[in-house]
Amino acid sequence: MLGLGFQRLLRSSQSKLFVSSFFVLFTHLALSMVPRLFASLSLLSMLPISGLALLGTLVFGRFFRRVVGVSASAPAFVLFNVIFVWGVYVSVIRKVMTCTMEVIFYVECVLLLIGLDSVLSSDPGMVSCTSSLSGNMDQSAISEKVLSIKRVRVCNSCNANVLGFDHHCPAFGNCIGQKNHLLFIVLLIGFLVTEATYTICSTYFIKRSMRPETGMKINWKKYPEFQIIHEPQVGEHFPEVRFWNPYDKGIVGNIKEFLKATG
């Protein structure tokens, strides 16, 4: 049974939910193309390129919203991202993971979904401006009431009066105030921990996949087309055989070949 937060989220327009799911797939597709197009680069060198890819998807999203006139739902985008990552783990990565790591990741995803539903439906500390000081209140109650009113701020996004207002979080679709600030911090930590776990599992999967015994990497020493002979230098007596990828045409060449294949 869906929580109150997810029920409210799914009551959004179908077009917003569709656009959100589309941009989740588009974003992950853009990120997955980075190692394919820049296979000759190291992992650290791919990080800024991945950042540019994310920036490009953001710019495209804004352009798409202006042209089509339909915007995505930020909370739906976050929810679909969690579901997508979970799906990739279940269908691909879990094949090489231990049972312990599998249980840890499942628990993290479940807690993440529960926390996301909770913050979507939580009360940040909404107050009504119609409340007034009663004449029969004692001095301490009046002082406490005045202090609480001073801590009330108006959210410019939803025009709500929130006690201890911190900010309005579009990703979680709610204001962050005195009553849900701790939940917000815990959820952020949960996202960081889950993302770190997913990154560790993905890295382990890639390393396992690149082992020769897995059949997913060519044992290049058996194939002459993947070998290049370096003549001996000064002080060396024998030529050195090194790995060479005949299909790697460089960054620009790989991009041109990809565009020709998809054109």
C-alpha atoms as a PDB file:
ATOM      1  CA  MET A   1       0.000   0.000   0.000  1.00  0.00           C
ATOM      2  CA  LEU A   2       1.347   3.376  -1.006  1.00  0.00           C
ATOM      3  CA  GLY A   3       2.075   5.979   1.641  1.00  0.00           C
ATOM      4  CA  LEU A   4       0.341   9.316   1.792  1.00  0.00           C
ATOM      5  CA  GLY A   5       3.309  11.079   0.205  1.00  0.00           C
ATOM      6  CA  PHE A   6       3.439   8.777  -2.809  1.00  0.00           C
ATOM      7  CA  GLN A   7      -0.347   8.867  -3.178  1.00  0.00           C
ATOM      8  CA  ARG A   8      -0.212  12.640  -3.401  1.00  0.00           C
ATOM      9  CA  LEU A   9       2.685  12.413  -5.838  1.00  0.00           C
ATOM     10  CA  LEU A  10       0.897   9.982  -8.147  1.00  0.00           C
ATOM     11  CA  ARG A  11      -2.098  12.295  -8.244  1.00  0.00           C
ATOM     12  CA  SER A  12       0.033  14.662 -10.322  1.00  0.00           C
ATOM     13  CA  SER A  13      -0.801  15.040 -13.983  1.00  0.00           C
ATOM     14  CA  GLN A  14       0.085  12.070 -16.154  1.00  0.00           C
ATOM     15  CA  SER A  15       2.127  14.308 -18.445  1.00  0.00           C
ATOM     16  CA  LYS A  16       4.407  15.366 -15.574  1.00  0.00           C
ATOM     17  CA  LEU A  17       4.928  11.769 -14.495  1.00  0.00           C
ATOM     18  CA  PHE A  18       5.713  10.741 -18.076  1.00  0.00           C
ATOM     19  CA  VAL A  19       8.178  13.609 -18.574  1.00  0.00           C
ATOM     20  CA  SER A  20       9.849  12.775 -15.243  1.00  0.00           C
ATOM     21  CA  SER A  21      10.316   9.119 -16.173  1.00  0.00           C
ATOM     22  CA  PHE A  22      11.588  10.128 -19.633  1.00  0.00           C
ATOM     23  CA  PHE A  23      14.251  12.406 -18.188  1.00  0.00           C
ATOM     24  CA  VAL A  24      15.369   9.710 -15.744  1.00  0.00           C
ATOM     25  CA  LEU A  25      16.035   7.376 -18.675  1.00  0.00           C
ATOM     26  CA  PHE A  26      17.571  10.186 -20.733  1.00  0.00           C
ATOM     27  CA  THR A  27      19.918  11.207 -17.917  1.00  0.00           C
ATOM     28  CA  HIS A  28      21.170   7.683 -17.283  1.00  0.00           C
ATOM     29  CA  LEU A  29      21.537   7.105 -21.043  1.00  0.00           C
ATOM     30  CA  ALA A  30      23.696  10.226 -21.317  1.00  0.00           C
ATOM     31  CA  LEU A  31      25.873   9.058 -18.425  1.00  0.00           C
ATOM     32  CA  SER A  32      26.208   5.560 -19.866  1.00  0.00           C
ATOM     33  CA  MET A  33      27.493   6.976 -23.165  1.00  0.00           C
ATOM     34  CA  VAL A  34      30.487   8.642 -21.493  1.00  0.00           C
ATOM     35  CA  PRO A  35      32.577   5.458 -21.039  1.00  0.00           C
ATOM     36  CA  ARG A  36      31.528   4.260 -24.489  1.00  0.00           C
ATOM     37  CA  LEU A  37      32.636   7.402 -26.311  1.00  0.00           C
ATOM     38  CA  PHE A  38      35.703   8.067 -24.166  1.00  0.00           C
ATOM     39  CA  ALA A  39      36.925   4.540 -23.541  1.00  0.00           C
ATOM     40  CA  SER A  40      40.569   5.588 -23.726  1.00  0.00           C
ATOM     41  CA  LEU A  41      40.258   7.957 -20.748  1.00  0.00           C
ATOM     42  CA  SER A  42      40.718   7.071 -17.095  1.00  0.00           C
ATOM     43  CA  LEU A  43      37.874   7.037 -14.589  1.00  0.00           C
ATOM     44  CA  LEU A  44      38.957  10.342 -13.042  1.00  0.00           C
ATOM     45  CA  SER A  45      39.084  11.957 -16.472  1.00  0.00           C
ATOM     46  CA  MET A  46      35.525  10.824 -17.134  1.00  0.00           C
ATOM     47  CA  LEU A  47      34.150  12.545 -14.021  1.00  0.00           C
ATOM     48  CA  PRO A  48      34.182  16.116 -15.428  1.00  0.00           C
ATOM     49  CA  ILE A  49      32.778  14.814 -18.704  1.00  0.00           C
ATOM     50  CA  SER A  50      29.963  13.145 -16.773  1.00  0.00           C
ATOM     51  CA  GLY A  51      29.340  16.472 -15.051  1.00  0.00           C
ATOM     52  CA  LEU A  52      29.078  18.165 -18.435  1.00  0.00           C
ATOM     53  CA  ALA A  53      26.683  15.432 -19.560  1.00  0.00           C
ATOM     54  CA  LEU A  54      24.458  16.117 -16.546  1.00  0.00           C
ATOM     55  CA  LEU A  55      24.622  19.841 -17.270  1.00  0.00           C
ATOM     56  CA  GLY A  56      23.644  19.140 -20.865  1.00  0.00           C
ATOM     57  CA  THR A  57      20.607  17.130 -19.790  1.00  0.00           C
ATOM     58  CA  LEU A  58      19.590  19.991 -17.481  1.00  0.00           C
ATOM     59  CA  VAL A  59      19.834  22.528 -20.308  1.00  0.00           C
ATOM     60  CA  PHE A  60      17.906  20.212 -22.607  1.00  0.00           C
ATOM     61  CA  GLY A  61      15.244  19.780 -19.933  1.00  0.00           C
ATOM     62  CA  ARG A  62      14.735  23.532 -19.619  1.00  0.00           C
ATOM     63  CA  PHE A  63      14.580  23.888 -23.400  1.00  0.00           C
ATOM     64  CA  PHE A  64      12.096  20.998 -23.601  1.00  0.00           C
ATOM     65  CA  ARG A  65       9.891  22.604 -20.965  1.00  0.00           C
ATOM     66  CA  ARG A  66       9.810  25.902 -22.845  1.00  0.00           C
ATOM     67  CA  VAL A  67       9.073  24.328 -26.218  1.00  0.00           C
ATOM     68  CA  VAL A  68       6.553  21.691 -25.158  1.00  0.00           C
ATOM     69  CA  GLY A  69       5.118  23.600 -22.219  1.00  0.00           C
ATOM     70  CA  VAL A  70       5.165  20.576 -19.893  1.00  0.00           C
ATOM     71  CA  SER A  71       7.549  20.432 -16.956  1.00  0.00           C
ATOM     72  CA  ALA A  72       8.677  17.434 -14.948  1.00  0.00           C
ATOM     73  CA  SER A  73       7.845  16.782 -11.318  1.00  0.00           C
ATOM     74  CA  ALA A  74      10.984  17.003  -9.182  1.00  0.00           C
ATOM     75  CA  PRO A  75       9.743  14.541  -6.505  1.00  0.00           C
ATOM     76  CA  ALA A  76       8.686  12.103  -9.243  1.00  0.00           C
ATOM     77  CA  PHE A  77      12.131  12.458 -10.826  1.00  0.00           C
ATOM     78  CA  VAL A  78      13.759  11.552  -7.499  1.00  0.00           C
ATOM     79  CA  LEU A  79      11.402   8.601  -6.978  1.00  0.00           C
ATOM     80  CA  PHE A  80      11.930   7.219 -10.492  1.00  0.00           C
ATOM     81  CA  ASN A  81      15.705   7.573 -10.075  1.00  0.00           C
ATOM     82  CA  VAL A  82      15.615   5.413  -6.949  1.00  0.00           C
ATOM     83  CA  ILE A  83      13.462   2.823  -8.730  1.00  0.00           C
ATOM     84  CA  PHE A  84      15.745   2.873 -11.790  1.00  0.00           C
ATOM     85  CA  VAL A  85      18.910   2.371  -9.726  1.00  0.00           C
ATOM     86  CA  TRP A  86      17.240  -0.437  -7.809  1.00  0.00           C
ATOM     87  CA  GLY A  87      16.159  -2.055 -11.080  1.00  0.00           C
ATOM     88  CA  VAL A  88      19.671  -1.879 -12.544  1.00  0.00           C
ATOM     89  CA  TYR A  89      21.078  -3.473  -9.415  1.00  0.00           C
ATOM     90  CA  VAL A  90      18.529  -6.294  -9.421  1.00  0.00           C
ATOM     91  CA  SER A  91      18.822  -7.056 -13.139  1.00  0.00           C
ATOM     92  CA  VAL A  92      22.570  -6.601 -13.642  1.00  0.00           C
ATOM     93  CA  ILE A  93      24.832  -5.896 -10.674  1.00  0.00           C
ATOM     94  CA  ARG A  94      23.498  -8.386  -8.118  1.00  0.00           C
ATOM     95  CA  LYS A  95      24.817 -11.311 -10.175  1.00  0.00           C
ATOM     96  CA  VAL A  96      28.331 -10.732  -8.855  1.00  0.00           C
ATOM     97  CA  MET A  97      27.519  -9.447  -5.357  1.00  0.00           C
ATOM     98  CA  THR A  98      27.509 -11.317  -2.069  1.00  0.00           C
ATOM     99  CA  CYS A  99      24.293 -11.968  -0.156  1.00  0.00           C
ATOM    100  CA  THR A 100      25.370  -9.589   2.599  1.00  0.00           C
ATOM    101  CA  MET A 101      25.911  -6.672   0.226  1.00  0.00           C
ATOM    102  CA  GLU A 102      22.671  -7.506  -1.535  1.00  0.00           C
ATOM    103  CA  VAL A 103      20.698  -7.367   1.718  1.00  0.00           C
ATOM    104  CA  ILE A 104      22.402  -4.095   2.703  1.00  0.00           C
ATOM    105  CA  PHE A 105      21.515  -2.424  -0.583  1.00  0.00           C
ATOM    106  CA  TYR A 106      17.907  -3.663  -0.464  1.00  0.00           C
ATOM    107  CA  VAL A 107      17.475  -2.355   3.078  1.00  0.00           C
ATOM    108  CA  GLU A 108      18.948   1.011   2.081  1.00  0.00           C
ATOM    109  CA  CYS A 109      16.557   1.332  -0.867  1.00  0.00           C
ATOM    110  CA  VAL A 110      13.531   0.401   1.245  1.00  0.00           C
ATOM    111  CA  LEU A 111      14.484   2.883   3.964  1.00  0.00           C
ATOM    112  CA  LEU A 112      15.095   5.506   1.291  1.00  0.00           C
ATOM    113  CA  LEU A 113      11.609   5.033  -0.149  1.00  0.00           C
ATOM    114  CA  ILE A 114      10.057   5.142   3.324  1.00  0.00           C
ATOM    115  CA  GLY A 115      11.963   8.323   4.143  1.00  0.00           C
ATOM    116  CA  LEU A 116      10.998   9.941   0.847  1.00  0.00           C
ATOM    117  CA  ASP A 117       7.330   9.140   1.445  1.00  0.00           C
ATOM    118  CA  SER A 118       7.588  10.489   4.985  1.00  0.00           C
ATOM    119  CA  VAL A 119       9.135  13.810   3.996  1.00  0.00           C
ATOM    120  CA  LEU A 120       6.610  14.243   1.176  1.00  0.00           C
ATOM    121  CA  SER A 121       3.710  13.923   3.609  1.00  0.00           C
ATOM    122  CA  SER A 122       5.338  15.505   6.663  1.00  0.00           C
ATOM    123  CA  ASP A 123       4.212  18.700   8.355  1.00  0.00           C
ATOM    124  CA  PRO A 124       7.132  21.151   8.337  1.00  0.00           C
ATOM    125  CA  GLY A 125       5.446  23.249  11.003  1.00  0.00           C
ATOM    126  CA  MET A 126       2.543  24.947   9.292  1.00  0.00           C
ATOM    127  CA  VAL A 127       0.917  27.687  11.359  1.00  0.00           C
ATOM    128  CA  SER A 128      -2.156  29.792  10.800  1.00  0.00           C
ATOM    129  CA  CYS A 129      -1.840  33.550  10.790  1.00  0.00           C
ATOM    130  CA  THR A 130      -5.368  33.843  12.198  1.00  0.00           C
ATOM    131  CA  SER A 131      -4.247  32.652  15.599  1.00  0.00           C
ATOM    132  CA  SER A 132      -4.354  35.467  18.125  1.00  0.00           C
ATOM    133  CA  LEU A 133      -3.364  35.942  21.714  1.00  0.00           C
ATOM    134  CA  SER A 134      -6.171  35.127  24.111  1.00  0.00           C
ATOM    135  CA  GLY A 135      -6.961  37.492  26.934  1.00  0.00           C
ATOM    136  CA  ASN A 136      -6.970  34.776  29.588  1.00  0.00           C
ATOM    137  CA  MET A 137      -3.438  33.534  28.781  1.00  0.00           C
ATOM    138  CA  ASP A 138      -0.781  33.994  31.451  1.00  0.00           C
ATOM    139  CA  GLN A 139       2.394  35.972  30.837  1.00  0.00           C
ATOM    140  CA  SER A 140       4.620  32.947  30.183  1.00  0.00           C
ATOM    141  CA  ALA A 141       2.192  31.554  27.603  1.00  0.00           C
ATOM    142  CA  ILE A 142       2.004  34.932  25.885  1.00  0.00           C
ATOM    143  CA  SER A 143       5.808  35.206  25.779  1.00  0.00           C
ATOM    144  CA  GLU A 144       6.109  31.708  24.313  1.00  0.00           C
ATOM    145  CA  LYS A 145       3.453  32.533  21.733  1.00  0.00           C
ATOM    146  CA  VAL A 146       5.237  35.719  20.683  1.00  0.00           C
ATOM    147  CA  LEU A 147       8.583  33.923  20.339  1.00  0.00           C
ATOM    148  CA  SER A 148       7.036  31.194  18.181  1.00  0.00           C
ATOM    149  CA  ILE A 149       5.409  33.794  15.935  1.00  0.00           C
ATOM    150  CA  LYS A 150       8.786  35.489  15.458  1.00  0.00           C
ATOM    151  CA  ARG A 151      10.230  32.200  14.170  1.00  0.00           C
ATOM    152  CA  VAL A 152       7.521  31.887  11.506  1.00  0.00           C
ATOM    153  CA  ARG A 153       8.573  32.607   7.928  1.00  0.00           C
ATOM    154  CA  VAL A 154       6.571  32.667   4.715  1.00  0.00           C
ATOM    155  CA  CYS A 155       7.568  30.244   1.947  1.00  0.00           C
ATOM    156  CA  ASN A 156       7.704  32.066  -1.386  1.00  0.00           C
ATOM    157  CA  SER A 157       7.079  28.836  -3.298  1.00  0.00           C
ATOM    158  CA  CYS A 158       3.848  27.709  -1.631  1.00  0.00           C
ATOM    159  CA  ASN A 159       2.888  30.839   0.366  1.00  0.00           C
ATOM    160  CA  ALA A 160       2.725  28.804   3.572  1.00  0.00           C
ATOM    161  CA  ASN A 161       3.587  30.094   7.034  1.00  0.00           C
ATOM    162  CA  VAL A 162       6.154  27.675   8.440  1.00  0.00           C
ATOM    163  CA  LEU A 163       7.578  27.599  11.945  1.00  0.00           C
ATOM    164  CA  GLY A 164      11.380  27.546  11.831  1.00  0.00           C
ATOM    165  CA  PHE A 165      11.326  27.781   8.030  1.00  0.00           C
ATOM    166  CA  ASP A 166      14.639  26.745   6.458  1.00  0.00           C
ATOM    167  CA  HIS A 167      13.906  26.432   2.741  1.00  0.00           C
ATOM    168  CA  HIS A 168      11.518  24.925   0.222  1.00  0.00           C
ATOM    169  CA  CYS A 169      12.929  21.704  -1.250  1.00  0.00           C
ATOM    170  CA  PRO A 170      11.611  21.100  -4.795  1.00  0.00           C
ATOM    171  CA  ALA A 171      13.161  17.629  -4.921  1.00  0.00           C
ATOM    172  CA  PHE A 172      11.097  16.511  -1.922  1.00  0.00           C
ATOM    173  CA  GLY A 173       8.078  18.649  -2.790  1.00  0.00           C
ATOM    174  CA  ASN A 174       7.750  20.157   0.662  1.00  0.00           C
ATOM    175  CA  CYS A 175       8.924  22.964   2.903  1.00  0.00           C
ATOM    176  CA  ILE A 176      11.663  22.198   5.395  1.00  0.00           C
ATOM    177  CA  GLY A 177      10.852  23.602   8.795  1.00  0.00           C
ATOM    178  CA  GLN A 178      11.156  22.929  12.488  1.00  0.00           C
ATOM    179  CA  LYS A 179       9.114  19.711  12.522  1.00  0.00           C
ATOM    180  CA  ASN A 180      10.720  17.906   9.582  1.00  0.00           C
ATOM    181  CA  HIS A 181      14.246  19.335   9.530  1.00  0.00           C
ATOM    182  CA  LEU A 182      15.735  16.267  11.248  1.00  0.00           C
ATOM    183  CA  LEU A 183      13.912  13.955   8.843  1.00  0.00           C
ATOM    184  CA  PHE A 184      15.305  15.982   5.938  1.00  0.00           C
ATOM    185  CA  ILE A 185      18.888  15.626   7.210  1.00  0.00           C
ATOM    186  CA  VAL A 186      18.478  11.881   7.791  1.00  0.00           C
ATOM    187  CA  LEU A 187      17.066  11.444   4.288  1.00  0.00           C
ATOM    188  CA  LEU A 188      19.990  13.343   2.748  1.00  0.00           C
ATOM    189  CA  ILE A 189      22.431  11.093   4.604  1.00  0.00           C
ATOM    190  CA  GLY A 190      20.448   8.079   3.391  1.00  0.00           C
ATOM    191  CA  PHE A 191      20.768   9.231  -0.207  1.00  0.00           C
ATOM    192  CA  LEU A 192      24.524   9.703   0.174  1.00  0.00           C
ATOM    193  CA  VAL A 193      25.002   6.282   1.784  1.00  0.00           C
ATOM    194  CA  THR A 194      22.858   4.522  -0.825  1.00  0.00           C
ATOM    195  CA  GLU A 195      24.644   6.288  -3.671  1.00  0.00           C
ATOM    196  CA  ALA A 196      28.014   5.332  -2.189  1.00  0.00           C
ATOM    197  CA  THR A 197      26.905   1.699  -1.875  1.00  0.00           C
ATOM    198  CA  TYR A 198      25.642   1.689  -5.459  1.00  0.00           C
ATOM    199  CA  THR A 199      28.931   3.182  -6.685  1.00  0.00           C
ATOM    200  CA  ILE A 200      30.959   0.559  -4.809  1.00  0.00           C
ATOM    201  CA  CYS A 201      28.809  -2.262  -6.189  1.00  0.00           C
ATOM    202  CA  SER A 202      28.995  -0.861  -9.728  1.00  0.00           C
ATOM    203  CA  THR A 203      32.776  -0.514  -9.545  1.00  0.00           C
ATOM    204  CA  TYR A 204      33.095  -4.075  -8.273  1.00  0.00           C
ATOM    205  CA  PHE A 205      30.829  -5.294 -11.080  1.00  0.00           C
ATOM    206  CA  ILE A 206      32.927  -3.505 -13.713  1.00  0.00           C
ATOM    207  CA  LYS A 207      36.167  -4.930 -12.318  1.00  0.00           C
ATOM    208  CA  ARG A 208      34.713  -8.436 -12.271  1.00  0.00           C
ATOM    209  CA  SER A 209      33.398  -8.005 -15.797  1.00  0.00           C
ATOM    210  CA  MET A 210      36.808  -6.952 -17.083  1.00  0.00           C
ATOM    211  CA  ARG A 211      38.546 -10.091 -15.840  1.00  0.00           C
ATOM    212  CA  PRO A 212      39.672 -12.385 -18.676  1.00  0.00           C
ATOM    213  CA  GLU A 213      38.026 -15.452 -17.128  1.00  0.00           C
ATOM    214  CA  THR A 214      34.614 -13.812 -17.322  1.00  0.00           C
ATOM    215  CA  GLY A 215      34.748 -13.798 -21.101  1.00  0.00           C
ATOM    216  CA  MET A 216      33.888 -10.101 -21.234  1.00  0.00           C
ATOM    217  CA  LYS A 217      37.412  -8.934 -21.982  1.00  0.00           C
ATOM    218  CA  ILE A 218      39.474 -10.188 -24.875  1.00  0.00           C
ATOM    219  CA  ASN A 219      42.611 -12.080 -23.998  1.00  0.00           C
ATOM    220  CA  TRP A 220      44.546  -9.823 -26.318  1.00  0.00           C
ATOM    221  CA  LYS A 221      47.748 -11.849 -26.205  1.00  0.00           C
ATOM    222  CA  LYS A 222      46.021 -14.533 -28.286  1.00  0.00           C
ATOM    223  CA  TYR A 223      45.011 -12.117 -31.051  1.00  0.00           C
ATOM    224  CA  PRO A 224      47.650 -10.341 -33.183  1.00  0.00           C
ATOM    225  CA  GLU A 225      45.253  -7.563 -34.197  1.00  0.00           C
ATOM    226  CA  PHE A 226      45.258  -6.345 -30.584  1.00  0.00           C
ATOM    227  CA  GLN A 227      49.041  -6.275 -30.329  1.00  0.00           C
ATOM    228  CA  ILE A 228      51.563  -3.605 -31.165  1.00  0.00           C
ATOM    229  CA  ILE A 229      55.312  -4.102 -31.016  1.00  0.00           C
ATOM    230  CA  HIS A 230      57.452  -1.389 -29.469  1.00  0.00           C
ATOM    231  CA  GLU A 231      61.051  -1.452 -30.586  1.00  0.00           C
ATOM    232  CA  PRO A 232      63.598  -1.757 -27.782  1.00  0.00           C
ATOM    233  CA  GLN A 233      64.969   1.486 -26.429  1.00  0.00           C
ATOM    234  CA  VAL A 234      68.447   2.223 -25.182  1.00  0.00           C
ATOM    235  CA  GLY A 235      69.328  -0.328 -22.534  1.00  0.00           C
ATOM    236  CA  GLU A 236      66.615  -2.790 -23.648  1.00  0.00           C
ATOM    237  CA  HIS A 237      67.376  -5.975 -25.541  1.00  0.00           C
ATOM    238  CA  PHE A 238      63.974  -7.231 -26.676  1.00  0.00           C
ATOM    239  CA  PRO A 239      60.940  -5.549 -28.243  1.00  0.00           C
ATOM    240  CA  GLU A 240      57.877  -5.160 -26.043  1.00  0.00           C
ATOM    241  CA  VAL A 241      54.418  -6.341 -27.055  1.00  0.00           C
ATOM    242  CA  ARG A 242      51.660  -4.046 -25.802  1.00  0.00           C
ATOM    243  CA  PHE A 243      47.888  -3.961 -26.038  1.00  0.00           C
ATOM    244  CA  TRP A 244      46.437  -1.850 -28.836  1.00  0.00           C
ATOM    245  CA  ASN A 245      42.774  -1.273 -29.602  1.00  0.00           C
ATOM    246  CA  PRO A 246      42.316  -1.033 -33.380  1.00  0.00           C
ATOM    247  CA  TYR A 247      38.741   0.199 -32.906  1.00  0.00           C
ATOM    248  CA  ASP A 248      39.680   3.197 -30.770  1.00  0.00           C
ATOM    249  CA  LYS A 249      39.877   6.202 -33.094  1.00  0.00           C
ATOM    250  CA  GLY A 250      40.307   8.803 -30.389  1.00  0.00           C
ATOM    251  CA  ILE A 251      37.715  11.035 -28.752  1.00  0.00           C
ATOM    252  CA  VAL A 252      36.687  12.930 -31.894  1.00  0.00           C
ATOM    253  CA  GLY A 253      36.830   9.848 -34.092  1.00  0.00           C
ATOM    254  CA  ASN A 254      34.687   7.800 -31.687  1.00  0.00           C
ATOM    255  CA  ILE A 255      32.060  10.543 -31.585  1.00  0.00           C
ATOM    256  CA  LYS A 256      31.972  10.799 -35.387  1.00  0.00           C
ATOM    257  CA  GLU A 257      31.645   7.024 -35.734  1.00  0.00           C
ATOM    258  CA  PHE A 258      28.836   6.951 -33.172  1.00  0.00           C
ATOM    259  CA  LEU A 259      26.951   9.760 -34.937  1.00  0.00           C
ATOM    260  CA  LYS A 260      27.307   8.008 -38.294  1.00  0.00           C
ATOM    261  CA  ALA A 261      26.012   4.737 -36.832  1.00  0.00           C
ATOM    262  CA  THR A 262      22.968   6.395 -35.268  1.00  0.00           C
ATOM    263  CA  GLY A 263      22.270   8.719 -38.183  1.00  0.00           C
END
